Amino acid sequence: MRIMKKAIIYWISEEEGGRKRPPIGTEYYPTIQMENGDTWSLAIRFDRTNVEQNEMKDNCEVVFLFDNAPYHLLKSGAEFIIYEGPHKVGVMVIR
């Protein structure tokens, strides 16, 4: 069963090797790498209704794309590095 979790993404700046700006649109499909080296694909839906939102921070809901994913790891306070291919582009914190 796929469970949506609320999260915050802190984007890594271009100067630090990340993105110029956050992705455009409401959906995003990056990967994360677990401590054991496993890589999992995510579906992220942005909540950009907060007018006080920081340009390099996004509120969102996140879900794994596969039913057999380690959902138990998406617990409050957990942090994951977001990748686009081999590039680290953000840090996601589960709320």
PDB file of N, CA and C in Angstrom:
ATOM      1  N   MET A   1       0.844  -1.179   0.000  1.00  0.00           N
ATOM      2  CA  MET A   1       0.000   0.000   0.000  1.00  0.00           C
ATOM      3  C   MET A   1       0.892   1.246   0.000  1.00  0.00           C
ATOM      4  N   ARG A   2       0.594   2.176  -0.854  1.00  0.00           N
ATOM      5  CA  ARG A   2       1.363   3.422  -0.947  1.00  0.00           C
ATOM      6  C   ARG A   2       0.788   4.451   0.005  1.00  0.00           C
ATOM      7  N   ILE A   3       1.673   5.009   0.834  1.00  0.00           N
ATOM      8  CA  ILE A   3       1.269   5.970   1.853  1.00  0.00           C
ATOM      9  C   ILE A   3       1.973   7.294   1.585  1.00  0.00           C
ATOM     10  N   MET A   4       1.183   8.371   1.456  1.00  0.00           N
ATOM     11  CA  MET A   4       1.744   9.708   1.269  1.00  0.00           C
ATOM     12  C   MET A   4       2.199  10.254   2.613  1.00  0.00           C
ATOM     13  N   LYS A   5       3.381  10.861   2.637  1.00  0.00           N
ATOM     14  CA  LYS A   5       3.912  11.497   3.839  1.00  0.00           C
ATOM     15  C   LYS A   5       4.210  12.956   3.526  1.00  0.00           C
ATOM     16  N   LYS A   6       3.982  13.824   4.487  1.00  0.00           N
ATOM     17  CA  LYS A   6       4.333  15.235   4.322  1.00  0.00           C
ATOM     18  C   LYS A   6       5.828  15.394   4.573  1.00  0.00           C
ATOM     19  N   ALA A   7       6.439  16.299   3.825  1.00  0.00           N
ATOM     20  CA  ALA A   7       7.883  16.512   3.950  1.00  0.00           C
ATOM     21  C   ALA A   7       8.232  17.943   3.557  1.00  0.00           C
ATOM     22  N   ILE A   8       9.469  18.308   3.857  1.00  0.00           N
ATOM     23  CA  ILE A   8      10.040  19.584   3.418  1.00  0.00           C
ATOM     24  C   ILE A   8      11.308  19.252   2.658  1.00  0.00           C
ATOM     25  N   ILE A   9      11.488  19.889   1.515  1.00  0.00           N
ATOM     26  CA  ILE A   9      12.716  19.718   0.741  1.00  0.00           C
ATOM     27  C   ILE A   9      13.514  21.011   0.814  1.00  0.00           C
ATOM     28  N   TYR A  10      14.773  20.880   1.194  1.00  0.00           N
ATOM     29  CA  TYR A  10      15.717  21.994   1.200  1.00  0.00           C
ATOM     30  C   TYR A  10      16.623  21.780  -0.006  1.00  0.00           C
ATOM     31  N   TRP A  11      16.488  22.624  -1.003  1.00  0.00           N
ATOM     32  CA  TRP A  11      17.240  22.469  -2.240  1.00  0.00           C
ATOM     33  C   TRP A  11      18.681  22.903  -2.058  1.00  0.00           C
ATOM     34  N   ILE A  12      19.580  22.148  -2.634  1.00  0.00           N
ATOM     35  CA  ILE A  12      20.999  22.497  -2.627  1.00  0.00           C
ATOM     36  C   ILE A  12      21.224  23.499  -3.746  1.00  0.00           C
ATOM     37  N   SER A  13      21.897  24.597  -3.443  1.00  0.00           N
ATOM     38  CA  SER A  13      22.096  25.659  -4.438  1.00  0.00           C
ATOM     39  C   SER A  13      23.059  25.219  -5.539  1.00  0.00           C
ATOM     40  N   GLU A  14      22.994  25.917  -6.630  1.00  0.00           N
ATOM     41  CA  GLU A  14      23.882  25.640  -7.759  1.00  0.00           C
ATOM     42  C   GLU A  14      25.350  25.784  -7.343  1.00  0.00           C
ATOM     43  N   GLU A  15      25.640  26.761  -6.502  1.00  0.00           N
ATOM     44  CA  GLU A  15      27.007  26.978  -6.032  1.00  0.00           C
ATOM     45  C   GLU A  15      27.522  25.781  -5.229  1.00  0.00           C
ATOM     46  N   GLU A  16      26.603  25.048  -4.602  1.00  0.00           N
ATOM     47  CA  GLU A  16      26.970  23.877  -3.811  1.00  0.00           C
ATOM     48  C   GLU A  16      26.851  22.575  -4.608  1.00  0.00           C
ATOM     49  N   GLY A  17      26.617  22.692  -5.921  1.00  0.00           N
ATOM     50  CA  GLY A  17      26.520  21.525  -6.786  1.00  0.00           C
ATOM     51  C   GLY A  17      25.113  21.053  -7.067  1.00  0.00           C
ATOM     52  N   GLY A  18      24.097  21.810  -6.609  1.00  0.00           N
ATOM     53  CA  GLY A  18      22.697  21.422  -6.793  1.00  0.00           C
ATOM     54  C   GLY A  18      22.042  22.116  -7.976  1.00  0.00           C
ATOM     55  N   ARG A  19      20.848  22.632  -7.737  1.00  0.00           N
ATOM     56  CA  ARG A  19      20.018  23.221  -8.789  1.00  0.00           C
ATOM     57  C   ARG A  19      20.084  24.752  -8.773  1.00  0.00           C
ATOM     58  N   LYS A  20      19.808  25.352  -9.954  1.00  0.00           N
ATOM     59  CA  LYS A  20      19.659  26.812 -10.025  1.00  0.00           C
ATOM     60  C   LYS A  20      18.422  27.236  -9.253  1.00  0.00           C
ATOM     61  N   ARG A  21      17.354  26.458  -9.400  1.00  0.00           N
ATOM     62  CA  ARG A  21      16.079  26.753  -8.753  1.00  0.00           C
ATOM     63  C   ARG A  21      15.315  25.436  -8.596  1.00  0.00           C
ATOM     64  N   PRO A  22      14.311  25.416  -7.723  1.00  0.00           N
ATOM     65  CA  PRO A  22      13.499  24.204  -7.573  1.00  0.00           C
ATOM     66  C   PRO A  22      12.792  23.834  -8.880  1.00  0.00           C
ATOM     67  N   PRO A  23      12.390  22.587  -9.020  1.00  0.00           N
ATOM     68  CA  PRO A  23      11.667  22.175 -10.231  1.00  0.00           C
ATOM     69  C   PRO A  23      10.385  22.988 -10.413  1.00  0.00           C
ATOM     70  N   ILE A  24      10.002  23.170 -11.646  1.00  0.00           N
ATOM     71  CA  ILE A  24       8.770  23.877 -11.979  1.00  0.00           C
ATOM     72  C   ILE A  24       7.646  22.846 -12.033  1.00  0.00           C
ATOM     73  N   GLY A  25       6.454  23.254 -11.712  1.00  0.00           N
ATOM     74  CA  GLY A  25       5.308  22.353 -11.774  1.00  0.00           C
ATOM     75  C   GLY A  25       4.927  21.834 -10.405  1.00  0.00           C
ATOM     76  N   THR A  26       3.992  20.893 -10.393  1.00  0.00           N
ATOM     77  CA  THR A  26       3.472  20.388  -9.131  1.00  0.00           C
ATOM     78  C   THR A  26       3.947  18.976  -8.808  1.00  0.00           C
ATOM     79  N   GLU A  27       4.525  18.266  -9.786  1.00  0.00           N
ATOM     80  CA  GLU A  27       4.988  16.900  -9.557  1.00  0.00           C
ATOM     81  C   GLU A  27       6.454  16.761  -9.927  1.00  0.00           C
ATOM     82  N   TYR A  28       7.128  15.824  -9.248  1.00  0.00           N
ATOM     83  CA  TYR A  28       8.569  15.655  -9.403  1.00  0.00           C
ATOM     84  C   TYR A  28       8.899  14.202  -9.080  1.00  0.00           C
ATOM     85  N   TYR A  29       9.811  13.591  -9.828  1.00  0.00           N
ATOM     86  CA  TYR A  29      10.109  12.167  -9.686  1.00  0.00           C
ATOM     87  C   TYR A  29      11.618  11.916  -9.555  1.00  0.00           C
ATOM     88  N   PRO A  30      12.189  12.183  -8.369  1.00  0.00           N
ATOM     89  CA  PRO A  30      13.618  11.950  -8.144  1.00  0.00           C
ATOM     90  C   PRO A  30      13.864  10.562  -7.551  1.00  0.00           C
ATOM     91  N   THR A  31      15.091  10.319  -7.136  1.00  0.00           N
ATOM     92  CA  THR A  31      15.430   9.106  -6.391  1.00  0.00           C
ATOM     93  C   THR A  31      16.063   9.518  -5.059  1.00  0.00           C
ATOM     94  N   ILE A  32      16.066   8.572  -4.120  1.00  0.00           N
ATOM     95  CA  ILE A  32      16.792   8.742  -2.863  1.00  0.00           C
ATOM     96  C   ILE A  32      17.645   7.503  -2.667  1.00  0.00           C
ATOM     97  N   GLN A  33      18.721   7.661  -1.923  1.00  0.00           N
ATOM     98  CA  GLN A  33      19.587   6.525  -1.624  1.00  0.00           C
ATOM     99  C   GLN A  33      19.522   6.249  -0.131  1.00  0.00           C
ATOM    100  N   MET A  34      19.310   4.983   0.212  1.00  0.00           N
ATOM    101  CA  MET A  34      19.236   4.568   1.612  1.00  0.00           C
ATOM    102  C   MET A  34      20.641   4.342   2.163  1.00  0.00           C
ATOM    103  N   GLU A  35      20.739   4.231   3.479  1.00  0.00           N
ATOM    104  CA  GLU A  35      22.030   4.010   4.125  1.00  0.00           C
ATOM    105  C   GLU A  35      22.705   2.730   3.643  1.00  0.00           C
ATOM    106  N   ASN A  36      21.911   1.722   3.275  1.00  0.00           N
ATOM    107  CA  ASN A  36      22.484   0.455   2.802  1.00  0.00           C
ATOM    108  C   ASN A  36      22.860   0.487   1.326  1.00  0.00           C
ATOM    109  N   GLY A  37      22.669   1.640   0.668  1.00  0.00           N
ATOM    110  CA  GLY A  37      23.032   1.787  -0.735  1.00  0.00           C
ATOM    111  C   GLY A  37      21.897   1.576  -1.711  1.00  0.00           C
ATOM    112  N   ASP A  38      20.752   1.055  -1.241  1.00  0.00           N
ATOM    113  CA  ASP A  38      19.592   0.870  -2.124  1.00  0.00           C
ATOM    114  C   ASP A  38      19.097   2.221  -2.617  1.00  0.00           C
ATOM    115  N   THR A  39      18.646   2.261  -3.856  1.00  0.00           N
ATOM    116  CA  THR A  39      18.080   3.466  -4.450  1.00  0.00           C
ATOM    117  C   THR A  39      16.599   3.232  -4.713  1.00  0.00           C
ATOM    118  N   TRP A  40      15.762   4.211  -4.367  1.00  0.00           N
ATOM    119  CA  TRP A  40      14.318   4.114  -4.557  1.00  0.00           C
ATOM    120  C   TRP A  40      13.803   5.350  -5.283  1.00  0.00           C
ATOM    121  N   SER A  41      12.832   5.134  -6.169  1.00  0.00           N
ATOM    122  CA  SER A  41      12.182   6.228  -6.890  1.00  0.00           C
ATOM    123  C   SER A  41      11.008   6.758  -6.081  1.00  0.00           C
ATOM    124  N   LEU A  42      10.824   8.066  -6.142  1.00  0.00           N
ATOM    125  CA  LEU A  42       9.757   8.740  -5.412  1.00  0.00           C
ATOM    126  C   LEU A  42       8.853   9.510  -6.357  1.00  0.00           C
ATOM    127  N   ALA A  43       7.637   9.731  -5.897  1.00  0.00           N
ATOM    128  CA  ALA A  43       6.733  10.692  -6.532  1.00  0.00           C
ATOM    129  C   ALA A  43       6.496  11.777  -5.498  1.00  0.00           C
ATOM    130  N   ILE A  44       6.738  13.017  -5.884  1.00  0.00           N
ATOM    131  CA  ILE A  44       6.581  14.149  -4.978  1.00  0.00           C
ATOM    132  C   ILE A  44       5.565  15.108  -5.570  1.00  0.00           C
ATOM    133  N   ARG A  45       4.638  15.545  -4.727  1.00  0.00           N
ATOM    134  CA  ARG A  45       3.649  16.545  -5.123  1.00  0.00           C
ATOM    135  C   ARG A  45       3.890  17.776  -4.263  1.00  0.00           C
ATOM    136  N   PHE A  46       4.192  18.890  -4.903  1.00  0.00           N
ATOM    137  CA  PHE A  46       4.517  20.121  -4.182  1.00  0.00           C
ATOM    138  C   PHE A  46       3.259  20.825  -3.692  1.00  0.00           C
ATOM    139  N   ASP A  47       3.366  21.432  -2.516  1.00  0.00           N
ATOM    140  CA  ASP A  47       2.342  22.307  -1.964  1.00  0.00           C
ATOM    141  C   ASP A  47       2.947  23.696  -1.945  1.00  0.00           C
ATOM    142  N   ARG A  48       2.662  24.455  -2.958  1.00  0.00           N
ATOM    143  CA  ARG A  48       3.251  25.793  -3.086  1.00  0.00           C
ATOM    144  C   ARG A  48       2.227  26.877  -2.820  1.00  0.00           C
ATOM    145  N   THR A  49       1.341  26.629  -1.866  1.00  0.00           N
ATOM    146  CA  THR A  49       0.310  27.610  -1.530  1.00  0.00           C
ATOM    147  C   THR A  49       0.766  28.568  -0.439  1.00  0.00           C
ATOM    148  N   ASN A  50       1.875  28.273   0.227  1.00  0.00           N
ATOM    149  CA  ASN A  50       2.375  29.129   1.306  1.00  0.00           C
ATOM    150  C   ASN A  50       3.105  30.321   0.700  1.00  0.00           C
ATOM    151  N   VAL A  51       2.539  31.503   0.882  1.00  0.00           N
ATOM    152  CA  VAL A  51       3.137  32.702   0.281  1.00  0.00           C
ATOM    153  C   VAL A  51       4.462  33.078   0.928  1.00  0.00           C
ATOM    154  N   GLU A  52       4.742  32.594   2.145  1.00  0.00           N
ATOM    155  CA  GLU A  52       5.994  32.901   2.819  1.00  0.00           C
ATOM    156  C   GLU A  52       7.085  31.888   2.480  1.00  0.00           C
ATOM    157  N   GLN A  53       6.807  31.025   1.535  1.00  0.00           N
ATOM    158  CA  GLN A  53       7.743  29.961   1.162  1.00  0.00           C
ATOM    159  C   GLN A  53       9.082  30.522   0.706  1.00  0.00           C
ATOM    160  N   ASN A  54      10.142  29.917   1.183  1.00  0.00           N
ATOM    161  CA  ASN A  54      11.494  30.265   0.773  1.00  0.00           C
ATOM    162  C   ASN A  54      11.726  29.725  -0.630  1.00  0.00           C
ATOM    163  N   GLU A  55      12.454  30.439  -1.455  1.00  0.00           N
ATOM    164  CA  GLU A  55      12.711  30.025  -2.828  1.00  0.00           C
ATOM    165  C   GLU A  55      13.431  28.680  -2.906  1.00  0.00           C
ATOM    166  N   MET A  56      14.260  28.350  -1.930  1.00  0.00           N
ATOM    167  CA  MET A  56      15.027  27.102  -1.966  1.00  0.00           C
ATOM    168  C   MET A  56      14.509  26.077  -0.959  1.00  0.00           C
ATOM    169  N   LYS A  57      13.212  26.165  -0.646  1.00  0.00           N
ATOM    170  CA  LYS A  57      12.571  25.222   0.269  1.00  0.00           C
ATOM    171  C   LYS A  57      11.169  24.961  -0.239  1.00  0.00           C
ATOM    172  N   ASP A  58      10.743  23.700  -0.216  1.00  0.00           N
ATOM    173  CA  ASP A  58       9.405  23.347  -0.693  1.00  0.00           C
ATOM    174  C   ASP A  58       8.706  22.437   0.295  1.00  0.00           C
ATOM    175  N   ASN A  59       7.438  22.720   0.568  1.00  0.00           N
ATOM    176  CA  ASN A  59       6.575  21.788   1.281  1.00  0.00           C
ATOM    177  C   ASN A  59       6.030  20.806   0.251  1.00  0.00           C
ATOM    178  N   CYS A  60       5.870  19.553   0.652  1.00  0.00           N
ATOM    179  CA  CYS A  60       5.410  18.570  -0.319  1.00  0.00           C
ATOM    180  C   CYS A  60       4.814  17.347   0.369  1.00  0.00           C
ATOM    181  N   GLU A  61       4.260  16.470  -0.458  1.00  0.00           N
ATOM    182  CA  GLU A  61       3.859  15.134  -0.048  1.00  0.00           C
ATOM    183  C   GLU A  61       4.682  14.171  -0.886  1.00  0.00           C
ATOM    184  N   VAL A  62       5.121  13.084  -0.265  1.00  0.00           N
ATOM    185  CA  VAL A  62       6.011  12.148  -0.935  1.00  0.00           C
ATOM    186  C   VAL A  62       5.484  10.724  -0.779  1.00  0.00           C
ATOM    187  N   VAL A  63       5.724   9.923  -1.806  1.00  0.00           N
ATOM    188  CA  VAL A  63       5.347   8.511  -1.782  1.00  0.00           C
ATOM    189  C   VAL A  63       6.355   7.740  -2.635  1.00  0.00           C
ATOM    190  N   PHE A  64       6.664   6.528  -2.223  1.00  0.00           N
ATOM    191  CA  PHE A  64       7.490   5.656  -3.061  1.00  0.00           C
ATOM    192  C   PHE A  64       6.674   5.231  -4.277  1.00  0.00           C
ATOM    193  N   LEU A  65       7.337   4.945  -5.392  1.00  0.00           N
ATOM    194  CA  LEU A  65       6.633   4.509  -6.593  1.00  0.00           C
ATOM    195  C   LEU A  65       6.330   3.009  -6.601  1.00  0.00           C
ATOM    196  N   PHE A  66       6.871   2.268  -5.642  1.00  0.00           N
ATOM    197  CA  PHE A  66       6.684   0.817  -5.636  1.00  0.00           C
ATOM    198  C   PHE A  66       6.085   0.356  -4.315  1.00  0.00           C
ATOM    199  N   ASP A  67       5.160  -0.594  -4.386  1.00  0.00           N
ATOM    200  CA  ASP A  67       4.487  -1.095  -3.191  1.00  0.00           C
ATOM    201  C   ASP A  67       5.436  -1.792  -2.224  1.00  0.00           C
ATOM    202  N   ASN A  68       6.495  -2.405  -2.719  1.00  0.00           N
ATOM    203  CA  ASN A  68       7.417  -3.150  -1.851  1.00  0.00           C
ATOM    204  C   ASN A  68       8.538  -2.279  -1.279  1.00  0.00           C
ATOM    205  N   ALA A  69       8.410  -0.977  -1.385  1.00  0.00           N
ATOM    206  CA  ALA A  69       9.428  -0.042  -0.878  1.00  0.00           C
ATOM    207  C   ALA A  69       9.419  -0.028   0.653  1.00  0.00           C
ATOM    208  N   PRO A  70      10.499   0.449   1.254  1.00  0.00           N
ATOM    209  CA  PRO A  70      10.610   0.472   2.717  1.00  0.00           C
ATOM    210  C   PRO A  70       9.853   1.657   3.347  1.00  0.00           C
ATOM    211  N   TYR A  71       8.529   1.597   3.319  1.00  0.00           N
ATOM    212  CA  TYR A  71       7.698   2.684   3.843  1.00  0.00           C
ATOM    213  C   TYR A  71       7.964   2.977   5.311  1.00  0.00           C
ATOM    214  N   HIS A  72       8.396   1.975   6.059  1.00  0.00           N
ATOM    215  CA  HIS A  72       8.648   2.174   7.488  1.00  0.00           C
ATOM    216  C   HIS A  72       9.760   3.194   7.740  1.00  0.00           C
ATOM    217  N   LEU A  73      10.578   3.485   6.718  1.00  0.00           N
ATOM    218  CA  LEU A  73      11.659   4.459   6.871  1.00  0.00           C
ATOM    219  C   LEU A  73      11.182   5.905   6.714  1.00  0.00           C
ATOM    220  N   LEU A  74       9.963   6.084   6.194  1.00  0.00           N
ATOM    221  CA  LEU A  74       9.416   7.437   6.025  1.00  0.00           C
ATOM    222  C   LEU A  74       8.748   7.886   7.322  1.00  0.00           C
ATOM    223  N   LYS A  75       9.531   7.958   8.384  1.00  0.00           N
ATOM    224  CA  LYS A  75       8.985   8.360   9.678  1.00  0.00           C
ATOM    225  C   LYS A  75       9.388   9.793   9.986  1.00  0.00           C
ATOM    226  N   SER A  76       8.649  10.419  10.860  1.00  0.00           N
ATOM    227  CA  SER A  76       8.873  11.817  11.209  1.00  0.00           C
ATOM    228  C   SER A  76      10.317  12.060  11.627  1.00  0.00           C
ATOM    229  N   GLY A  77      10.926  13.086  11.038  1.00  0.00           N
ATOM    230  CA  GLY A  77      12.298  13.453  11.343  1.00  0.00           C
ATOM    231  C   GLY A  77      13.342  12.785  10.470  1.00  0.00           C
ATOM    232  N   ALA A  78      12.960  11.765   9.700  1.00  0.00           N
ATOM    233  CA  ALA A  78      13.921  11.082   8.824  1.00  0.00           C
ATOM    234  C   ALA A  78      14.371  12.028   7.719  1.00  0.00           C
ATOM    235  N   GLU A  79      15.657  11.965   7.369  1.00  0.00           N
ATOM    236  CA  GLU A  79      16.231  12.805   6.313  1.00  0.00           C
ATOM    237  C   GLU A  79      16.767  11.935   5.193  1.00  0.00           C
ATOM    238  N   PHE A  80      16.564  12.385   3.965  1.00  0.00           N
ATOM    239  CA  PHE A  80      17.043  11.673   2.789  1.00  0.00           C
ATOM    240  C   PHE A  80      17.649  12.668   1.807  1.00  0.00           C
ATOM    241  N   ILE A  81      18.707  12.270   1.134  1.00  0.00           N
ATOM    242  CA  ILE A  81      19.298  13.073   0.065  1.00  0.00           C
ATOM    243  C   ILE A  81      18.513  12.771  -1.210  1.00  0.00           C
ATOM    244  N   ILE A  82      18.124  13.810  -1.926  1.00  0.00           N
ATOM    245  CA  ILE A  82      17.416  13.669  -3.198  1.00  0.00           C
ATOM    246  C   ILE A  82      18.424  13.770  -4.326  1.00  0.00           C
ATOM    247  N   TYR A  83      18.312  12.841  -5.263  1.00  0.00           N
ATOM    248  CA  TYR A  83      19.213  12.780  -6.411  1.00  0.00           C
ATOM    249  C   TYR A  83      18.448  12.963  -7.714  1.00  0.00           C
ATOM    250  N   GLU A  84      19.122  13.592  -8.660  1.00  0.00           N
ATOM    251  CA  GLU A  84      18.721  13.601 -10.075  1.00  0.00           C
ATOM    252  C   GLU A  84      19.881  12.939 -10.781  1.00  0.00           C
ATOM    253  N   GLY A  85      19.716  11.673 -11.137  1.00  0.00           N
ATOM    254  CA  GLY A  85      20.849  10.914 -11.643  1.00  0.00           C
ATOM    255  C   GLY A  85      21.891  10.827 -10.544  1.00  0.00           C
ATOM    256  N   PRO A  86      23.163  11.119 -10.835  1.00  0.00           N
ATOM    257  CA  PRO A  86      24.200  11.038  -9.812  1.00  0.00           C
ATOM    258  C   PRO A  86      24.344  12.307  -8.969  1.00  0.00           C
ATOM    259  N   HIS A  87      23.562  13.345  -9.275  1.00  0.00           N
ATOM    260  CA  HIS A  87      23.717  14.651  -8.623  1.00  0.00           C
ATOM    261  C   HIS A  87      22.812  14.805  -7.412  1.00  0.00           C
ATOM    262  N   LYS A  88      23.399  15.213  -6.287  1.00  0.00           N
ATOM    263  CA  LYS A  88      22.649  15.534  -5.090  1.00  0.00           C
ATOM    264  C   LYS A  88      22.026  16.912  -5.305  1.00  0.00           C
ATOM    265  N   VAL A  89      20.701  16.998  -5.180  1.00  0.00           N
ATOM    266  CA  VAL A  89      20.037  18.281  -5.436  1.00  0.00           C
ATOM    267  C   VAL A  89      19.248  18.808  -4.257  1.00  0.00           C
ATOM    268  N   GLY A  90      19.023  17.993  -3.233  1.00  0.00           N
ATOM    269  CA  GLY A  90      18.248  18.464  -2.103  1.00  0.00           C
ATOM    270  C   GLY A  90      18.291  17.503  -0.926  1.00  0.00           C
ATOM    271  N   VAL A  91      17.785  17.999   0.179  1.00  0.00           N
ATOM    272  CA  VAL A  91      17.622  17.186   1.386  1.00  0.00           C
ATOM    273  C   VAL A  91      16.142  17.220   1.743  1.00  0.00           C
ATOM    274  N   MET A  92      15.537  16.032   1.889  1.00  0.00           N
ATOM    275  CA  MET A  92      14.132  15.927   2.221  1.00  0.00           C
ATOM    276  C   MET A  92      14.009  15.470   3.675  1.00  0.00           C
ATOM    277  N   VAL A  93      13.192  16.189   4.452  1.00  0.00           N
ATOM    278  CA  VAL A  93      12.934  15.848   5.845  1.00  0.00           C
ATOM    279  C   VAL A  93      11.451  15.506   5.974  1.00  0.00           C
ATOM    280  N   ILE A  94      11.173  14.305   6.472  1.00  0.00           N
ATOM    281  CA  ILE A  94       9.777  13.876   6.674  1.00  0.00           C
ATOM    282  C   ILE A  94       9.223  14.572   7.905  1.00  0.00           C
ATOM    283  N   ARG A  95       7.990  15.075   7.788  1.00  0.00           N
ATOM    284  CA  ARG A  95       7.362  15.766   8.927  1.00  0.00           C
ATOM    285  C   ARG A  95       6.486  14.820   9.713  1.00  0.00           C
TER     286      ARG A  95
END
